[in-house]
Amino acid sequence: MTNPTILYPIFALALWTSLVLLLIPIARMRAGQRREIVTNDFKYGESATVPPHVSIPNRNYMNLLELPVLFYVVCLLIFVTRGASSLMLTFA
């Protein structure tokens, strides 16, 4: 297996994380236009008055920044040590 192929899952997850990041301002702007939220709802994080359809993209983004960091590290270690195999790529 060629070594750079283990980087493709990293790029896919990074792209997915970026797309979820773009959903946050879109959801907030739509809710702001509908007057479902106000600026002070986000002064100290998210207040309890923020509707779920606005807070879910932010929570998904936070989850994509927690555990996947280990995935990035493992894939980079596999890349550096040239230990990529078909099985590892399948699991990634």
C-alpha atoms as a PDB file:
ATOM      1  CA  MET A   1       0.000   0.000   0.000  1.00  0.00           C
ATOM      2  CA  THR A   2       1.383   3.385  -0.889  1.00  0.00           C
ATOM      3  CA  ASN A   3       2.034   5.456   2.172  1.00  0.00           C
ATOM      4  CA  PRO A   4       0.012   8.632   1.354  1.00  0.00           C
ATOM      5  CA  THR A   5      -3.248   6.686   1.117  1.00  0.00           C
ATOM      6  CA  ILE A   6      -3.539   6.689   4.919  1.00  0.00           C
ATOM      7  CA  LEU A   7      -3.849  10.482   4.707  1.00  0.00           C
ATOM      8  CA  TYR A   8      -7.094  10.326   2.690  1.00  0.00           C
ATOM      9  CA  PRO A   9      -9.287   9.487   5.713  1.00  0.00           C
ATOM     10  CA  ILE A  10      -7.663  12.396   7.574  1.00  0.00           C
ATOM     11  CA  PHE A  11      -8.559  14.758   4.748  1.00  0.00           C
ATOM     12  CA  ALA A  12     -12.106  13.391   4.626  1.00  0.00           C
ATOM     13  CA  LEU A  13     -12.625  13.928   8.355  1.00  0.00           C
ATOM     14  CA  ALA A  14     -11.069  17.394   8.183  1.00  0.00           C
ATOM     15  CA  LEU A  15     -13.413  18.294   5.323  1.00  0.00           C
ATOM     16  CA  TRP A  16     -16.418  16.968   7.262  1.00  0.00           C
ATOM     17  CA  THR A  17     -15.349  18.991  10.318  1.00  0.00           C
ATOM     18  CA  SER A  18     -15.081  22.122   8.162  1.00  0.00           C
ATOM     19  CA  LEU A  19     -18.546  21.577   6.722  1.00  0.00           C
ATOM     20  CA  VAL A  20     -20.042  21.202  10.200  1.00  0.00           C
ATOM     21  CA  LEU A  21     -18.212  24.386  11.215  1.00  0.00           C
ATOM     22  CA  LEU A  22     -19.948  26.203   8.354  1.00  0.00           C
ATOM     23  CA  LEU A  23     -23.340  25.035   9.609  1.00  0.00           C
ATOM     24  CA  ILE A  24     -22.950  26.925  12.906  1.00  0.00           C
ATOM     25  CA  PRO A  25     -23.158  30.496  11.525  1.00  0.00           C
ATOM     26  CA  ILE A  26     -25.807  29.434   8.994  1.00  0.00           C
ATOM     27  CA  ALA A  27     -28.063  28.048  11.740  1.00  0.00           C
ATOM     28  CA  ARG A  28     -27.447  31.064  13.964  1.00  0.00           C
ATOM     29  CA  MET A  29     -28.129  33.600  11.212  1.00  0.00           C
ATOM     30  CA  ARG A  30     -31.361  31.880  10.205  1.00  0.00           C
ATOM     31  CA  ALA A  31     -32.516  31.765  13.812  1.00  0.00           C
ATOM     32  CA  GLY A  32     -31.548  35.416  14.257  1.00  0.00           C
ATOM     33  CA  GLN A  33     -33.547  36.428  11.196  1.00  0.00           C
ATOM     34  CA  ARG A  34     -36.551  34.546  12.597  1.00  0.00           C
ATOM     35  CA  ARG A  35     -35.997  36.298  15.953  1.00  0.00           C
ATOM     36  CA  GLU A  36     -35.613  32.962  17.755  1.00  0.00           C
ATOM     37  CA  ILE A  37     -32.341  34.084  19.352  1.00  0.00           C
ATOM     38  CA  VAL A  38     -30.642  37.307  20.354  1.00  0.00           C
ATOM     39  CA  THR A  39     -26.969  38.202  20.613  1.00  0.00           C
ATOM     40  CA  ASN A  40     -26.918  37.878  24.404  1.00  0.00           C
ATOM     41  CA  ASP A  41     -27.831  34.191  24.094  1.00  0.00           C
ATOM     42  CA  PHE A  42     -24.190  33.576  23.142  1.00  0.00           C
ATOM     43  CA  LYS A  43     -22.497  36.033  25.478  1.00  0.00           C
ATOM     44  CA  TYR A  44     -21.166  33.327  27.831  1.00  0.00           C
ATOM     45  CA  GLY A  45     -21.563  30.270  25.594  1.00  0.00           C
ATOM     46  CA  GLU A  46     -25.045  29.077  24.757  1.00  0.00           C
ATOM     47  CA  SER A  47     -27.916  29.967  27.014  1.00  0.00           C
ATOM     48  CA  ALA A  48     -30.798  27.630  27.773  1.00  0.00           C
ATOM     49  CA  THR A  49     -33.082  29.680  25.507  1.00  0.00           C
ATOM     50  CA  VAL A  50     -31.221  28.669  22.337  1.00  0.00           C
ATOM     51  CA  PRO A  51     -33.427  26.279  20.323  1.00  0.00           C
ATOM     52  CA  PRO A  52     -32.056  22.772  19.720  1.00  0.00           C
ATOM     53  CA  HIS A  53     -31.840  23.218  15.932  1.00  0.00           C
ATOM     54  CA  VAL A  54     -29.372  26.051  16.563  1.00  0.00           C
ATOM     55  CA  SER A  55     -27.262  24.379  19.246  1.00  0.00           C
ATOM     56  CA  ILE A  56     -26.935  20.937  17.601  1.00  0.00           C
ATOM     57  CA  PRO A  57     -24.400  22.005  14.906  1.00  0.00           C
ATOM     58  CA  ASN A  58     -22.227  23.551  17.626  1.00  0.00           C
ATOM     59  CA  ARG A  59     -22.383  20.393  19.732  1.00  0.00           C
ATOM     60  CA  ASN A  60     -21.557  18.245  16.700  1.00  0.00           C
ATOM     61  CA  TYR A  61     -18.550  20.458  15.978  1.00  0.00           C
ATOM     62  CA  MET A  62     -17.343  20.167  19.571  1.00  0.00           C
ATOM     63  CA  ASN A  63     -17.586  16.367  19.318  1.00  0.00           C
ATOM     64  CA  LEU A  64     -15.603  16.403  16.070  1.00  0.00           C
ATOM     65  CA  LEU A  65     -12.794  18.215  17.880  1.00  0.00           C
ATOM     66  CA  GLU A  66     -12.569  15.841  20.851  1.00  0.00           C
ATOM     67  CA  LEU A  67     -12.082  12.150  20.072  1.00  0.00           C
ATOM     68  CA  PRO A  68     -11.074  12.432  16.381  1.00  0.00           C
ATOM     69  CA  VAL A  69      -7.846  14.064  17.526  1.00  0.00           C
ATOM     70  CA  LEU A  70      -6.689  10.566  18.494  1.00  0.00           C
ATOM     71  CA  PHE A  71      -7.614   9.377  14.998  1.00  0.00           C
ATOM     72  CA  TYR A  72      -5.454  12.119  13.482  1.00  0.00           C
ATOM     73  CA  VAL A  73      -2.513  11.166  15.709  1.00  0.00           C
ATOM     74  CA  VAL A  74      -2.767   7.449  14.938  1.00  0.00           C
ATOM     75  CA  CYS A  75      -3.024   8.040  11.194  1.00  0.00           C
ATOM     76  CA  LEU A  76      -0.044  10.395  11.265  1.00  0.00           C
ATOM     77  CA  LEU A  77       1.978   7.856  13.237  1.00  0.00           C
ATOM     78  CA  ILE A  78       1.105   5.198  10.668  1.00  0.00           C
ATOM     79  CA  PHE A  79       2.149   7.600   7.910  1.00  0.00           C
ATOM     80  CA  VAL A  80       5.471   8.479   9.557  1.00  0.00           C
ATOM     81  CA  THR A  81       6.366   4.879  10.358  1.00  0.00           C
ATOM     82  CA  ARG A  82       5.302   3.726   6.877  1.00  0.00           C
ATOM     83  CA  GLY A  83       3.106   1.087   8.434  1.00  0.00           C
ATOM     84  CA  ALA A  84       0.030   1.582   6.274  1.00  0.00           C
ATOM     85  CA  SER A  85      -1.616  -1.658   5.217  1.00  0.00           C
ATOM     86  CA  SER A  86      -4.851  -2.437   3.415  1.00  0.00           C
ATOM     87  CA  LEU A  87      -6.467  -3.423   6.700  1.00  0.00           C
ATOM     88  CA  MET A  88      -5.492  -0.163   8.406  1.00  0.00           C
ATOM     89  CA  LEU A  89      -6.757   1.864   5.494  1.00  0.00           C
ATOM     90  CA  THR A  90     -10.059  -0.020   5.563  1.00  0.00           C
ATOM     91  CA  PHE A  91     -10.508   0.650   9.267  1.00  0.00           C
ATOM     92  CA  ALA A  92      -9.583   4.320   8.841  1.00  0.00           C
END
